[in-house]
PDB file of all heavy atoms in Angstrom:
ATOM      1  N   PHE A   1       0.806  -1.225  -0.016  1.00  0.00           N
ATOM      2  CA  PHE A   1      -0.040  -0.008  -0.029  1.00  0.00           C
ATOM      3  C   PHE A   1       0.914   1.252  -0.077  1.00  0.00           C
ATOM      4  O   PHE A   1       1.950   1.305   0.709  1.00  0.00           O
ATOM      5  CB  PHE A   1      -0.860   0.019   1.241  1.00  0.00           C
ATOM      6  CG  PHE A   1      -1.994  -0.993   1.198  1.00  0.00           C
ATOM      7  CD1 PHE A   1      -1.788  -2.223   1.736  1.00  0.00           C
ATOM      8  CD2 PHE A   1      -3.201  -0.772   0.556  1.00  0.00           C
ATOM      9  CE1 PHE A   1      -2.743  -3.253   1.783  1.00  0.00           C
ATOM     10  CE2 PHE A   1      -4.068  -1.831   0.573  1.00  0.00           C
ATOM     11  CZ  PHE A   1      -3.911  -2.993   1.105  1.00  0.00           C
ATOM     12  N   ILE A   2       0.498   2.199  -0.807  1.00  0.00           N
ATOM     13  CA  ILE A   2       1.149   3.424  -0.829  1.00  0.00           C
ATOM     14  C   ILE A   2       0.123   4.652  -0.405  1.00  0.00           C
ATOM     15  O   ILE A   2      -0.939   4.700  -0.829  1.00  0.00           O
ATOM     16  CB  ILE A   2       1.656   3.856  -2.142  1.00  0.00           C
ATOM     17  CG1 ILE A   2       2.739   2.953  -2.639  1.00  0.00           C
ATOM     18  CG2 ILE A   2       2.252   5.354  -2.151  1.00  0.00           C
ATOM     19  CD1 ILE A   2       3.313   3.137  -4.051  1.00  0.00           C
ATOM     20  N   THR A   3       0.373   5.367   0.561  1.00  0.00           N
ATOM     21  CA  THR A   3      -0.520   6.522   1.057  1.00  0.00           C
ATOM     22  C   THR A   3       0.155   7.768   0.650  1.00  0.00           C
ATOM     23  O   THR A   3       1.372   7.968   0.946  1.00  0.00           O
ATOM     24  CB  THR A   3      -0.744   6.503   2.583  1.00  0.00           C
ATOM     25  OG1 THR A   3       0.571   6.666   3.165  1.00  0.00           O
ATOM     26  CG2 THR A   3      -1.322   5.128   2.825  1.00  0.00           C
ATOM     27  N   VAL A   4      -0.564   8.621   0.006  1.00  0.00           N
ATOM     28  CA  VAL A   4      -0.131   9.950  -0.396  1.00  0.00           C
ATOM     29  C   VAL A   4       0.444  10.719   0.855  1.00  0.00           C
ATOM     30  O   VAL A   4       1.407  11.364   0.684  1.00  0.00           O
ATOM     31  CB  VAL A   4      -1.243  10.783  -1.142  1.00  0.00           C
ATOM     32  CG1 VAL A   4      -0.681  12.122  -1.383  1.00  0.00           C
ATOM     33  CG2 VAL A   4      -1.515  10.012  -2.434  1.00  0.00           C
ATOM     34  N   GLU A   5      -0.289  10.827   1.892  1.00  0.00           N
ATOM     35  CA  GLU A   5       0.193  11.529   3.006  1.00  0.00           C
ATOM     36  C   GLU A   5       1.462  11.177   3.644  1.00  0.00           C
ATOM     37  O   GLU A   5       2.201  11.939   4.213  1.00  0.00           O
ATOM     38  CB  GLU A   5      -1.028  11.587   3.988  1.00  0.00           C
ATOM     39  CG  GLU A   5      -1.112  10.224   4.747  1.00  0.00           C
ATOM     40  CD  GLU A   5      -2.111  10.247   5.922  1.00  0.00           C
ATOM     41  OE1 GLU A   5      -2.401  11.404   6.416  1.00  0.00           O
ATOM     42  OE2 GLU A   5      -2.660   9.313   6.334  1.00  0.00           O
ATOM     43  N   LEU A   6       1.866   9.814   3.490  1.00  0.00           N
ATOM     44  CA  LEU A   6       3.014   9.318   4.100  1.00  0.00           C
ATOM     45  C   LEU A   6       4.178   9.186   3.073  1.00  0.00           C
ATOM     46  O   LEU A   6       5.452   9.067   3.428  1.00  0.00           O
ATOM     47  CB  LEU A   6       2.913   7.954   4.786  1.00  0.00           C
ATOM     48  CG  LEU A   6       1.795   7.930   5.977  1.00  0.00           C
ATOM     49  CD1 LEU A   6       1.712   6.580   6.528  1.00  0.00           C
ATOM     50  CD2 LEU A   6       2.197   8.908   7.066  1.00  0.00           C
ATOM     51  N   GLY A   7       3.862   9.229   1.813  1.00  0.00           N
ATOM     52  CA  GLY A   7       4.860   9.079   0.755  1.00  0.00           C
ATOM     53  C   GLY A   7       5.262   7.678   0.306  1.00  0.00           C
ATOM     54  O   GLY A   7       4.693   6.727   0.986  1.00  0.00           O
ATOM     55  N   ALA A   8       5.787   7.555  -0.846  1.00  0.00           N
ATOM     56  CA  ALA A   8       6.082   6.274  -1.376  1.00  0.00           C
ATOM     57  C   ALA A   8       7.013   5.326  -0.601  1.00  0.00           C
ATOM     58  O   ALA A   8       7.043   4.099  -0.838  1.00  0.00           O
ATOM     59  CB  ALA A   8       6.654   6.449  -2.794  1.00  0.00           C
ATOM     60  N   ASP A   9       7.811   5.895   0.276  1.00  0.00           N
ATOM     61  CA  ASP A   9       8.786   5.171   0.931  1.00  0.00           C
ATOM     62  C   ASP A   9       8.329   4.561   2.324  1.00  0.00           C
ATOM     63  O   ASP A   9       9.049   3.857   2.956  1.00  0.00           O
ATOM     64  CB  ASP A   9      10.084   6.058   1.343  1.00  0.00           C
ATOM     65  CG  ASP A   9      10.711   6.549   0.035  1.00  0.00           C
ATOM     66  OD1 ASP A   9      10.655   5.626  -0.921  1.00  0.00           O
ATOM     67  OD2 ASP A   9      11.268   7.539   0.055  1.00  0.00           O
ATOM     68  N   ALA A  10       7.046   4.861   2.631  1.00  0.00           N
ATOM     69  CA  ALA A  10       6.541   4.242   3.962  1.00  0.00           C
ATOM     70  C   ALA A  10       6.352   2.721   3.795  1.00  0.00           C
ATOM     71  O   ALA A  10       5.561   2.242   2.956  1.00  0.00           O
ATOM     72  CB  ALA A  10       5.064   4.946   4.239  1.00  0.00           C
ATOM     73  N   ASP A  11       7.105   2.160   4.703  1.00  0.00           N
ATOM     74  CA  ASP A  11       7.030   0.585   4.686  1.00  0.00           C
ATOM     75  C   ASP A  11       5.899   0.116   5.569  1.00  0.00           C
ATOM     76  O   ASP A  11       5.135   0.929   6.238  1.00  0.00           O
ATOM     77  CB  ASP A  11       8.224  -0.065   5.096  1.00  0.00           C
ATOM     78  CG  ASP A  11       8.744   0.492   6.488  1.00  0.00           C
ATOM     79  OD1 ASP A  11       7.864   0.885   7.325  1.00  0.00           O
ATOM     80  OD2 ASP A  11       9.953   0.364   6.750  1.00  0.00           O
ATOM     81  N   PRO A  12       5.576  -1.186   5.490  1.00  0.00           N
ATOM     82  CA  PRO A  12       4.495  -1.768   6.365  1.00  0.00           C
ATOM     83  C   PRO A  12       4.537  -1.390   7.889  1.00  0.00           C
ATOM     84  O   PRO A  12       3.644  -1.183   8.575  1.00  0.00           O
ATOM     85  CB  PRO A  12       4.463  -3.312   6.225  1.00  0.00           C
ATOM     86  CG  PRO A  12       5.091  -3.372   4.830  1.00  0.00           C
ATOM     87  CD  PRO A  12       6.125  -2.291   4.721  1.00  0.00           C
ATOM     88  N   PHE A  13       5.859  -1.317   8.466  1.00  0.00           N
ATOM     89  CA  PHE A  13       6.031  -0.925   9.810  1.00  0.00           C
ATOM     90  C   PHE A  13       5.474   0.402  10.127  1.00  0.00           C
ATOM     91  O   PHE A  13       4.862   0.619  11.093  1.00  0.00           O
ATOM     92  CB  PHE A  13       7.475  -1.116  10.198  1.00  0.00           C
ATOM     93  CG  PHE A  13       7.820  -0.665  11.573  1.00  0.00           C
ATOM     94  CD1 PHE A  13       7.462  -1.361  12.710  1.00  0.00           C
ATOM     95  CD2 PHE A  13       8.346   0.647  11.764  1.00  0.00           C
ATOM     96  CE1 PHE A  13       7.677  -0.832  14.033  1.00  0.00           C
ATOM     97  CE2 PHE A  13       8.671   1.088  13.024  1.00  0.00           C
ATOM     98  CZ  PHE A  13       8.370   0.331  14.117  1.00  0.00           C
ATOM     99  N   MET A  14       5.750   1.361   9.200  1.00  0.00           N
ATOM    100  CA  MET A  14       5.306   2.654   9.370  1.00  0.00           C
ATOM    101  C   MET A  14       3.779   2.795   9.266  1.00  0.00           C
ATOM    102  O   MET A  14       3.165   3.480  10.073  1.00  0.00           O
ATOM    103  CB  MET A  14       5.994   3.610   8.275  1.00  0.00           C
ATOM    104  CG  MET A  14       7.407   3.927   8.501  1.00  0.00           C
ATOM    105  SD  MET A  14       8.127   5.183   7.242  1.00  0.00           S
ATOM    106  CE  MET A  14       7.009   6.535   7.580  1.00  0.00           C
ATOM    107  N   LEU A  15       3.224   1.987   8.367  1.00  0.00           N
ATOM    108  CA  LEU A  15       1.797   2.014   8.321  1.00  0.00           C
ATOM    109  C   LEU A  15       1.143   1.511   9.607  1.00  0.00           C
ATOM    110  O   LEU A  15       0.100   2.125  10.036  1.00  0.00           O
ATOM    111  CB  LEU A  15       1.313   1.212   7.079  1.00  0.00           C
ATOM    112  CG  LEU A  15       1.697   1.671   5.685  1.00  0.00           C
ATOM    113  CD1 LEU A  15       1.170   0.751   4.722  1.00  0.00           C
ATOM    114  CD2 LEU A  15       1.249   3.096   5.466  1.00  0.00           C
ATOM    115  N   HIS A  16       1.743   0.497  10.199  1.00  0.00           N
ATOM    116  CA  HIS A  16       1.177  -0.084  11.400  1.00  0.00           C
ATOM    117  C   HIS A  16       1.360   1.024  12.532  1.00  0.00           C
ATOM    118  O   HIS A  16       0.512   1.305  13.303  1.00  0.00           O
ATOM    119  CB  HIS A  16       1.939  -1.334  11.755  1.00  0.00           C
ATOM    120  CG  HIS A  16       1.428  -2.532  11.144  1.00  0.00           C
ATOM    121  ND1 HIS A  16       1.977  -3.065   9.978  1.00  0.00           N
ATOM    122  CD2 HIS A  16       0.398  -3.396  11.453  1.00  0.00           C
ATOM    123  CE1 HIS A  16       1.365  -4.135   9.642  1.00  0.00           C
ATOM    124  NE2 HIS A  16       0.421  -4.414  10.453  1.00  0.00           N
ATOM    125  N   LEU A  17       2.486   1.636  12.586  1.00  0.00           N
ATOM    126  CA  LEU A  17       2.762   2.653  13.582  1.00  0.00           C
ATOM    127  C   LEU A  17       1.815   3.781  13.428  1.00  0.00           C
ATOM    128  O   LEU A  17       1.157   4.190  14.541  1.00  0.00           O
ATOM    129  CB  LEU A  17       4.179   3.152  13.450  1.00  0.00           C
ATOM    130  CG  LEU A  17       4.725   4.192  14.432  1.00  0.00           C
ATOM    131  CD1 LEU A  17       4.645   3.597  15.895  1.00  0.00           C
ATOM    132  CD2 LEU A  17       6.196   4.569  14.146  1.00  0.00           C
ATOM    133  N   TYR A  18       1.612   4.424  12.333  1.00  0.00           N
ATOM    134  CA  TYR A  18       0.744   5.489  12.126  1.00  0.00           C
ATOM    135  C   TYR A  18      -0.660   5.182  12.456  1.00  0.00           C
ATOM    136  O   TYR A  18      -1.429   5.941  13.063  1.00  0.00           O
ATOM    137  CB  TYR A  18       0.800   6.037  10.728  1.00  0.00           C
ATOM    138  CG  TYR A  18       1.928   7.121  10.591  1.00  0.00           C
ATOM    139  CD1 TYR A  18       3.199   6.567  10.114  1.00  0.00           C
ATOM    140  CD2 TYR A  18       1.710   8.454  10.809  1.00  0.00           C
ATOM    141  CE1 TYR A  18       4.310   7.566   9.947  1.00  0.00           C
ATOM    142  CE2 TYR A  18       2.735   9.450  10.659  1.00  0.00           C
ATOM    143  CZ  TYR A  18       4.010   8.926  10.182  1.00  0.00           C
ATOM    144  OH  TYR A  18       5.038   9.834  10.040  1.00  0.00           O
ATOM    145  N   ALA A  19      -1.166   3.999  12.064  1.00  0.00           N
ATOM    146  CA  ALA A  19      -2.542   3.461  12.380  1.00  0.00           C
ATOM    147  C   ALA A  19      -2.682   3.371  13.908  1.00  0.00           C
ATOM    148  O   ALA A  19      -3.693   3.749  14.466  1.00  0.00           O
ATOM    149  CB  ALA A  19      -2.814   2.209  11.680  1.00  0.00           C
ATOM    150  N   ALA A  20      -1.663   2.829  14.555  1.00  0.00           N
ATOM    151  CA  ALA A  20      -1.766   2.604  16.039  1.00  0.00           C
ATOM    152  C   ALA A  20      -1.781   4.007  16.690  1.00  0.00           C
ATOM    153  O   ALA A  20      -2.591   4.127  17.685  1.00  0.00           O
ATOM    154  CB  ALA A  20      -0.561   1.801  16.494  1.00  0.00           C
ATOM    155  N   LEU A  21      -1.001   4.880  16.287  1.00  0.00           N
ATOM    156  CA  LEU A  21      -0.971   6.157  16.977  1.00  0.00           C
ATOM    157  C   LEU A  21      -2.291   6.881  16.810  1.00  0.00           C
ATOM    158  O   LEU A  21      -2.886   7.618  17.674  1.00  0.00           O
ATOM    159  CB  LEU A  21       0.163   7.047  16.255  1.00  0.00           C
ATOM    160  CG  LEU A  21       1.671   6.666  16.827  1.00  0.00           C
ATOM    161  CD1 LEU A  21       2.632   7.483  15.931  1.00  0.00           C
ATOM    162  CD2 LEU A  21       1.796   6.796  18.156  1.00  0.00           C
ATOM    163  N   ALA A  22      -2.847   6.860  15.565  1.00  0.00           N
ATOM    164  CA  ALA A  22      -4.165   7.513  15.333  1.00  0.00           C
ATOM    165  C   ALA A  22      -5.210   6.912  16.151  1.00  0.00           C
ATOM    166  O   ALA A  22      -6.171   7.481  16.650  1.00  0.00           O
ATOM    167  CB  ALA A  22      -4.492   7.379  13.795  1.00  0.00           C
ATOM    168  N   GLU A  23      -5.198   5.563  16.242  1.00  0.00           N
ATOM    169  CA  GLU A  23      -6.224   4.860  17.107  1.00  0.00           C
ATOM    170  C   GLU A  23      -6.117   5.214  18.569  1.00  0.00           C
ATOM    171  O   GLU A  23      -7.172   5.467  19.314  1.00  0.00           O
ATOM    172  CB  GLU A  23      -6.118   3.296  16.889  1.00  0.00           C
ATOM    173  CG  GLU A  23      -7.192   2.660  17.632  1.00  0.00           C
ATOM    174  CD  GLU A  23      -7.051   1.088  17.284  1.00  0.00           C
ATOM    175  OE1 GLU A  23      -7.550   0.646  16.229  1.00  0.00           O
ATOM    176  OE2 GLU A  23      -6.449   0.383  18.131  1.00  0.00           O
ATOM    177  N   LYS A  24      -4.780   5.289  19.042  1.00  0.00           N
ATOM    178  CA  LYS A  24      -4.632   5.707  20.388  1.00  0.00           C
ATOM    179  C   LYS A  24      -5.075   7.131  20.680  1.00  0.00           C
ATOM    180  O   LYS A  24      -5.715   7.394  21.686  1.00  0.00           O
ATOM    181  CB  LYS A  24      -3.199   5.522  20.744  1.00  0.00           C
ATOM    182  CG  LYS A  24      -2.781   5.858  22.190  1.00  0.00           C
ATOM    183  CD  LYS A  24      -3.476   4.976  23.106  1.00  0.00           C
ATOM    184  CE  LYS A  24      -3.003   5.181  24.609  1.00  0.00           C
ATOM    185  NZ  LYS A  24      -3.703   4.248  25.529  1.00  0.00           N
ATOM    186  N   GLU A  25      -4.776   7.989  19.743  1.00  0.00           N
ATOM    187  CA  GLU A  25      -5.145   9.481  19.942  1.00  0.00           C
ATOM    188  C   GLU A  25      -6.752   9.563  19.908  1.00  0.00           C
ATOM    189  O   GLU A  25      -7.164  10.361  20.822  1.00  0.00           O
ATOM    190  CB  GLU A  25      -4.624  10.198  18.761  1.00  0.00           C
ATOM    191  CG  GLU A  25      -4.970  11.771  18.813  1.00  0.00           C
ATOM    192  CD  GLU A  25      -4.508  12.537  17.602  1.00  0.00           C
ATOM    193  OE1 GLU A  25      -4.199  11.836  16.552  1.00  0.00           O
ATOM    194  OE2 GLU A  25      -4.378  13.796  17.708  1.00  0.00           O
ATOM    195  N   ARG A  26      -7.487   8.883  19.115  1.00  0.00           N
ATOM    196  CA  ARG A  26      -8.893   8.878  19.213  1.00  0.00           C
ATOM    197  C   ARG A  26      -9.416   8.418  20.435  1.00  0.00           C
ATOM    198  O   ARG A  26     -10.347   8.914  21.024  1.00  0.00           O
ATOM    199  CB  ARG A  26      -9.475   8.173  17.945  1.00  0.00           C
ATOM    200  CG  ARG A  26      -9.323   8.745  16.678  1.00  0.00           C
ATOM    201  CD  ARG A  26     -10.185   8.065  15.600  1.00  0.00           C
ATOM    202  NE  ARG A  26      -9.757   6.630  15.504  1.00  0.00           N
ATOM    203  CZ  ARG A  26      -8.854   6.197  14.793  1.00  0.00           C
ATOM    204  NH1 ARG A  26      -8.063   6.964  14.097  1.00  0.00           N
ATOM    205  NH2 ARG A  26      -8.539   4.841  14.737  1.00  0.00           N
ATOM    206  N   ALA A  27      -8.775   7.360  21.020  1.00  0.00           N
ATOM    207  CA  ALA A  27      -9.209   6.805  22.210  1.00  0.00           C
ATOM    208  C   ALA A  27      -9.041   7.740  23.386  1.00  0.00           C
ATOM    209  O   ALA A  27      -9.871   7.875  24.283  1.00  0.00           O
ATOM    210  CB  ALA A  27      -8.602   5.433  22.516  1.00  0.00           C
ATOM    211  N   LEU A  28      -7.911   8.481  23.408  1.00  0.00           N
ATOM    212  CA  LEU A  28      -7.512   9.451  24.515  1.00  0.00           C
ATOM    213  C   LEU A  28      -8.505  10.643  24.367  1.00  0.00           C
ATOM    214  O   LEU A  28      -8.991  11.165  25.387  1.00  0.00           O
ATOM    215  CB  LEU A  28      -6.147   9.906  24.306  1.00  0.00           C
ATOM    216  CG  LEU A  28      -5.013   8.889  24.628  1.00  0.00           C
ATOM    217  CD1 LEU A  28      -3.624   9.392  24.300  1.00  0.00           C
ATOM    218  CD2 LEU A  28      -5.236   8.464  26.216  1.00  0.00           C
ATOM    219  N   ILE A  29      -8.822  11.181  23.211  1.00  0.00           N
ATOM    220  CA  ILE A  29      -9.722  12.209  23.046  1.00  0.00           C
ATOM    221  C   ILE A  29     -11.134  11.848  23.566  1.00  0.00           C
ATOM    222  O   ILE A  29     -11.867  12.624  24.202  1.00  0.00           O
ATOM    223  CB  ILE A  29      -9.758  12.697  21.584  1.00  0.00           C
ATOM    224  CG1 ILE A  29      -8.485  13.301  21.112  1.00  0.00           C
ATOM    225  CG2 ILE A  29     -10.890  13.692  21.336  1.00  0.00           C
ATOM    226  CD1 ILE A  29      -8.462  13.591  19.623  1.00  0.00           C
ATOM    227  N   SER A  30     -11.544  10.693  23.171  1.00  0.00           N
ATOM    228  CA  SER A  30     -12.888  10.153  23.592  1.00  0.00           C
ATOM    229  C   SER A  30     -12.902  10.046  25.171  1.00  0.00           C
ATOM    230  O   SER A  30     -14.026  10.504  25.761  1.00  0.00           O
ATOM    231  CB  SER A  30     -13.118   8.805  22.988  1.00  0.00           C
ATOM    232  OG  SER A  30     -14.362   8.392  23.467  1.00  0.00           O
ATOM    233  N   ALA A  31     -11.948   9.533  25.692  1.00  0.00           N
ATOM    234  CA  ALA A  31     -11.760   9.402  27.142  1.00  0.00           C
ATOM    235  C   ALA A  31     -11.883  10.779  27.899  1.00  0.00           C
ATOM    236  O   ALA A  31     -12.500  10.978  28.936  1.00  0.00           O
ATOM    237  CB  ALA A  31     -10.641   8.598  27.623  1.00  0.00           C
ATOM    238  N   ARG A  32     -11.046  11.709  27.348  1.00  0.00           N
ATOM    239  CA  ARG A  32     -11.024  12.962  28.023  1.00  0.00           C
ATOM    240  C   ARG A  32     -12.259  13.682  27.883  1.00  0.00           C
ATOM    241  O   ARG A  32     -12.799  14.452  28.764  1.00  0.00           O
ATOM    242  CB  ARG A  32      -9.889  13.770  27.343  1.00  0.00           C
ATOM    243  CG  ARG A  32      -8.511  13.444  27.754  1.00  0.00           C
ATOM    244  CD  ARG A  32      -7.565  14.569  27.429  1.00  0.00           C
ATOM    245  NE  ARG A  32      -7.455  14.771  25.988  1.00  0.00           N
ATOM    246  CZ  ARG A  32      -6.578  14.084  25.124  1.00  0.00           C
ATOM    247  NH1 ARG A  32      -5.721  13.323  25.615  1.00  0.00           N
ATOM    248  NH2 ARG A  32      -6.498  14.467  23.762  1.00  0.00           N
ATOM    249  N   THR A  33     -12.977  13.599  26.839  1.00  0.00           N
ATOM    250  CA  THR A  33     -14.323  14.164  26.637  1.00  0.00           C
ATOM    251  C   THR A  33     -15.305  13.565  27.525  1.00  0.00           C
ATOM    252  O   THR A  33     -16.114  14.381  28.202  1.00  0.00           O
ATOM    253  CB  THR A  33     -14.855  14.024  25.218  1.00  0.00           C
ATOM    254  OG1 THR A  33     -13.830  14.685  24.220  1.00  0.00           O
ATOM    255  CG2 THR A  33     -16.203  14.692  24.912  1.00  0.00           C
ATOM    256  N   LYS A  34     -15.459  12.398  27.672  1.00  0.00           N
ATOM    257  CA  LYS A  34     -16.358  11.640  28.581  1.00  0.00           C
ATOM    258  C   LYS A  34     -16.018  12.087  30.084  1.00  0.00           C
ATOM    259  O   LYS A  34     -16.980  12.372  30.866  1.00  0.00           O
ATOM    260  CB  LYS A  34     -16.263  10.144  28.329  1.00  0.00           C
ATOM    261  CG  LYS A  34     -16.810   9.578  27.081  1.00  0.00           C
ATOM    262  CD  LYS A  34     -16.640   8.211  26.993  1.00  0.00           C
ATOM    263  CE  LYS A  34     -17.216   7.664  25.714  1.00  0.00           C
ATOM    264  NZ  LYS A  34     -17.122   6.153  25.545  1.00  0.00           N
ATOM    265  N   ALA A  35     -14.715  12.138  30.352  1.00  0.00           N
ATOM    266  CA  ALA A  35     -14.334  12.471  31.705  1.00  0.00           C
ATOM    267  C   ALA A  35     -14.880  13.983  32.024  1.00  0.00           C
ATOM    268  O   ALA A  35     -15.338  14.214  33.097  1.00  0.00           O
ATOM    269  CB  ALA A  35     -12.887  12.335  32.024  1.00  0.00           C
ATOM    270  N   ALA A  36     -14.654  14.798  31.068  1.00  0.00           N
ATOM    271  CA  ALA A  36     -14.987  16.234  31.321  1.00  0.00           C
ATOM    272  C   ALA A  36     -16.529  16.335  31.485  1.00  0.00           C
ATOM    273  O   ALA A  36     -16.979  17.183  32.301  1.00  0.00           O
ATOM    274  CB  ALA A  36     -14.482  17.086  30.209  1.00  0.00           C
ATOM    275  N   LEU A  37     -17.289  15.655  30.674  1.00  0.00           N
ATOM    276  CA  LEU A  37     -18.776  15.783  30.710  1.00  0.00           C
ATOM    277  C   LEU A  37     -19.252  15.191  32.029  1.00  0.00           C
ATOM    278  O   LEU A  37     -20.184  15.725  32.690  1.00  0.00           O
ATOM    279  CB  LEU A  37     -19.359  14.973  29.591  1.00  0.00           C
ATOM    280  CG  LEU A  37     -19.241  15.681  28.176  1.00  0.00           C
ATOM    281  CD1 LEU A  37     -19.735  14.748  27.090  1.00  0.00           C
ATOM    282  CD2 LEU A  37     -19.868  17.076  28.235  1.00  0.00           C
ATOM    283  N   ALA A  38     -18.581  14.103  32.433  1.00  0.00           N
ATOM    284  CA  ALA A  38     -18.876  13.424  33.798  1.00  0.00           C
ATOM    285  C   ALA A  38     -18.680  14.343  34.891  1.00  0.00           C
ATOM    286  O   ALA A  38     -19.461  14.570  35.902  1.00  0.00           O
ATOM    287  CB  ALA A  38     -18.285  12.140  33.906  1.00  0.00           C
ATOM    288  N   ALA A  39     -17.564  15.131  34.823  1.00  0.00           N
ATOM    289  CA  ALA A  39     -17.236  16.057  35.911  1.00  0.00           C
ATOM    290  C   ALA A  39     -18.132  17.114  36.015  1.00  0.00           C
ATOM    291  O   ALA A  39     -18.558  17.649  37.038  1.00  0.00           O
ATOM    292  CB  ALA A  39     -15.748  16.541  35.738  1.00  0.00           C
ATOM    293  N   LYS A  40     -18.496  17.732  34.822  1.00  0.00           N
ATOM    294  CA  LYS A  40     -19.572  18.779  34.745  1.00  0.00           C
ATOM    295  C   LYS A  40     -20.983  18.397  35.410  1.00  0.00           C
ATOM    296  O   LYS A  40     -21.472  19.024  36.173  1.00  0.00           O
ATOM    297  CB  LYS A  40     -19.683  19.286  33.345  1.00  0.00           C
ATOM    298  CG  LYS A  40     -18.636  20.056  32.819  1.00  0.00           C
ATOM    299  CD  LYS A  40     -18.499  21.477  33.422  1.00  0.00           C
ATOM    300  CE  LYS A  40     -17.414  22.291  32.774  1.00  0.00           C
ATOM    301  NZ  LYS A  40     -17.313  23.651  33.481  1.00  0.00           N
ATOM    302  N   LYS A  41     -21.323  17.156  34.963  1.00  0.00           N
ATOM    303  CA  LYS A  41     -22.528  16.578  35.484  1.00  0.00           C
ATOM    304  C   LYS A  41     -22.481  16.460  37.013  1.00  0.00           C
ATOM    305  O   LYS A  41     -23.531  16.717  37.654  1.00  0.00           O
ATOM    306  CB  LYS A  41     -22.859  15.322  34.755  1.00  0.00           C
ATOM    307  CG  LYS A  41     -24.168  14.788  35.174  1.00  0.00           C
ATOM    308  CD  LYS A  41     -24.569  13.574  34.221  1.00  0.00           C
ATOM    309  CE  LYS A  41     -26.094  12.981  34.441  1.00  0.00           C
ATOM    310  NZ  LYS A  41     -26.301  11.919  33.720  1.00  0.00           N
ATOM    311  N   ALA A  42     -21.378  15.933  37.497  1.00  0.00           N
ATOM    312  CA  ALA A  42     -21.286  15.715  38.938  1.00  0.00           C
ATOM    313  C   ALA A  42     -21.300  17.141  39.701  1.00  0.00           C
ATOM    314  O   ALA A  42     -21.606  17.119  40.874  1.00  0.00           O
ATOM    315  CB  ALA A  42     -19.885  15.002  39.198  1.00  0.00           C
TER     316      ALA A  42
END
């Protein structure tokens, strides 16, 4: 696979790494949002 945003030289390891980082970032954002809403409600 070649992704335009990562360039032609991105190997499978880099694709795994970027996918893992993106997934982790989304999980952290979701957790922070839920925690903030719960705190406001409390």
